[in-house]
Protein backbone atom coordinates (compact mmCIF):
# COMPACT_ATOMS: atom_id res chain seq x y z
CA MET A 1 0.02 0.02 -0.02
CA LYS A 2 1.48 3.29 -1.08
CA HIS A 3 1.76 6.12 1.41
CA ALA A 4 0.30 4.16 4.48
CA LEU A 5 0.87 4.26 8.09
CA THR A 6 1.79 0.82 9.47
CA ILE A 7 0.73 0.10 13.10
CA SER A 8 3.05 -2.56 14.43
CA PHE A 9 0.70 -4.33 16.86
CA GLY A 10 2.50 -7.68 16.01
CA TRP A 11 5.67 -6.25 17.38
CA LEU A 12 4.27 -4.90 20.58
CA ASN A 13 4.49 -8.03 22.80
CA GLY A 14 6.82 -10.02 24.89
CA SER A 15 6.22 -8.34 28.25
CA GLU A 16 3.15 -7.21 30.14
CA SER A 17 4.05 -3.57 29.76
CA ALA A 18 4.28 -3.85 25.98
CA GLU A 19 1.00 -5.75 25.73
CA LEU A 20 -0.83 -3.26 27.98
CA ALA A 21 0.58 -0.42 25.85
CA ARG A 22 -0.45 -2.20 22.52
CA ASP A 23 -4.04 -2.78 23.79
CA LYS A 24 -4.31 0.87 25.05
CA PHE A 25 -2.92 2.09 21.75
CA LYS A 26 -5.50 0.12 19.82
CA ARG A 27 -8.35 1.39 22.11
CA LEU A 28 -7.37 4.96 21.76
CA LEU A 29 -6.82 4.68 17.95
CA GLU A 30 -10.43 3.34 17.69
CA ALA A 31 -12.02 5.75 20.26
CA ASP A 32 -10.16 8.98 19.21
CA LEU A 33 -9.45 8.49 15.60
CA GLY A 34 -12.21 6.15 14.47
CA PHE A 35 -9.98 3.48 13.22
CA GLN A 36 -11.12 -0.13 13.15
CA PHE A 37 -8.99 -3.22 13.62
CA SER A 38 -9.69 -6.94 13.29
CA PRO A 39 -10.15 -9.04 16.40
CA ASP A 40 -6.69 -10.63 15.90
CA PHE A 41 -4.97 -7.31 15.81
CA ARG A 42 -2.28 -8.49 18.30
CA LYS A 43 -0.72 -10.47 15.53
CA ARG A 44 -1.08 -7.88 12.76
CA PHE A 45 0.65 -4.96 11.20
CA PRO A 46 -2.28 -3.04 9.69
CA GLN A 47 -1.75 -0.39 7.23
CA ILE A 48 -3.84 2.79 7.23
CA PRO A 49 -3.97 4.77 4.00
CA ILE A 50 -2.66 8.27 4.30
CA GLU A 51 -6.04 9.71 3.38
CA ASN A 52 -7.53 8.17 6.50
CA TRP A 53 -5.08 9.65 8.91
CA TYR A 54 -3.16 12.69 7.62
CA GLU A 55 -5.84 15.11 8.68
CA LYS A 56 -5.79 13.37 12.13
CA ALA A 57 -2.01 13.71 12.56
CA ALA A 58 -2.34 16.04 15.63
CA GLN A 59 -4.80 13.47 17.32
CA LEU A 60 -2.51 10.58 16.39
CA GLU A 61 0.45 12.44 18.14
CA THR A 62 -1.72 13.00 21.22
CA VAL A 63 -2.59 9.27 21.38
CA LEU A 64 1.09 8.27 20.94
CA LYS A 65 2.16 10.66 23.77
CA GLN A 66 -0.54 9.47 26.01
CA VAL A 67 0.46 5.81 25.59
CA ILE A 68 4.18 6.61 26.02
CA ALA A 69 3.53 8.68 29.10
CA GLU A 70 1.61 5.83 30.67
CA HIS A 71 3.72 2.86 29.50
CA GLY A 72 7.05 4.19 28.42
CA THR A 73 8.78 3.20 25.13
CA PRO A 74 9.55 -0.40 24.21
CA SER A 75 13.09 -1.48 25.20
């Protein structure tokens, strides 16, 4: 997919902290940005076309900052 944002849910695992962050990230992306993900999102690397997120870039940044503030960055 050209010009897409890839969400690396499949990479965010291996520790309780990473998995909690992944699940919160997914919930916020759905609630705050209106994205939808499949039930098996934990194994996936969904791609979101640029036209579905570029106008929501500020909201996306806020979601990322919120998840990082609560859970930190993966090590």
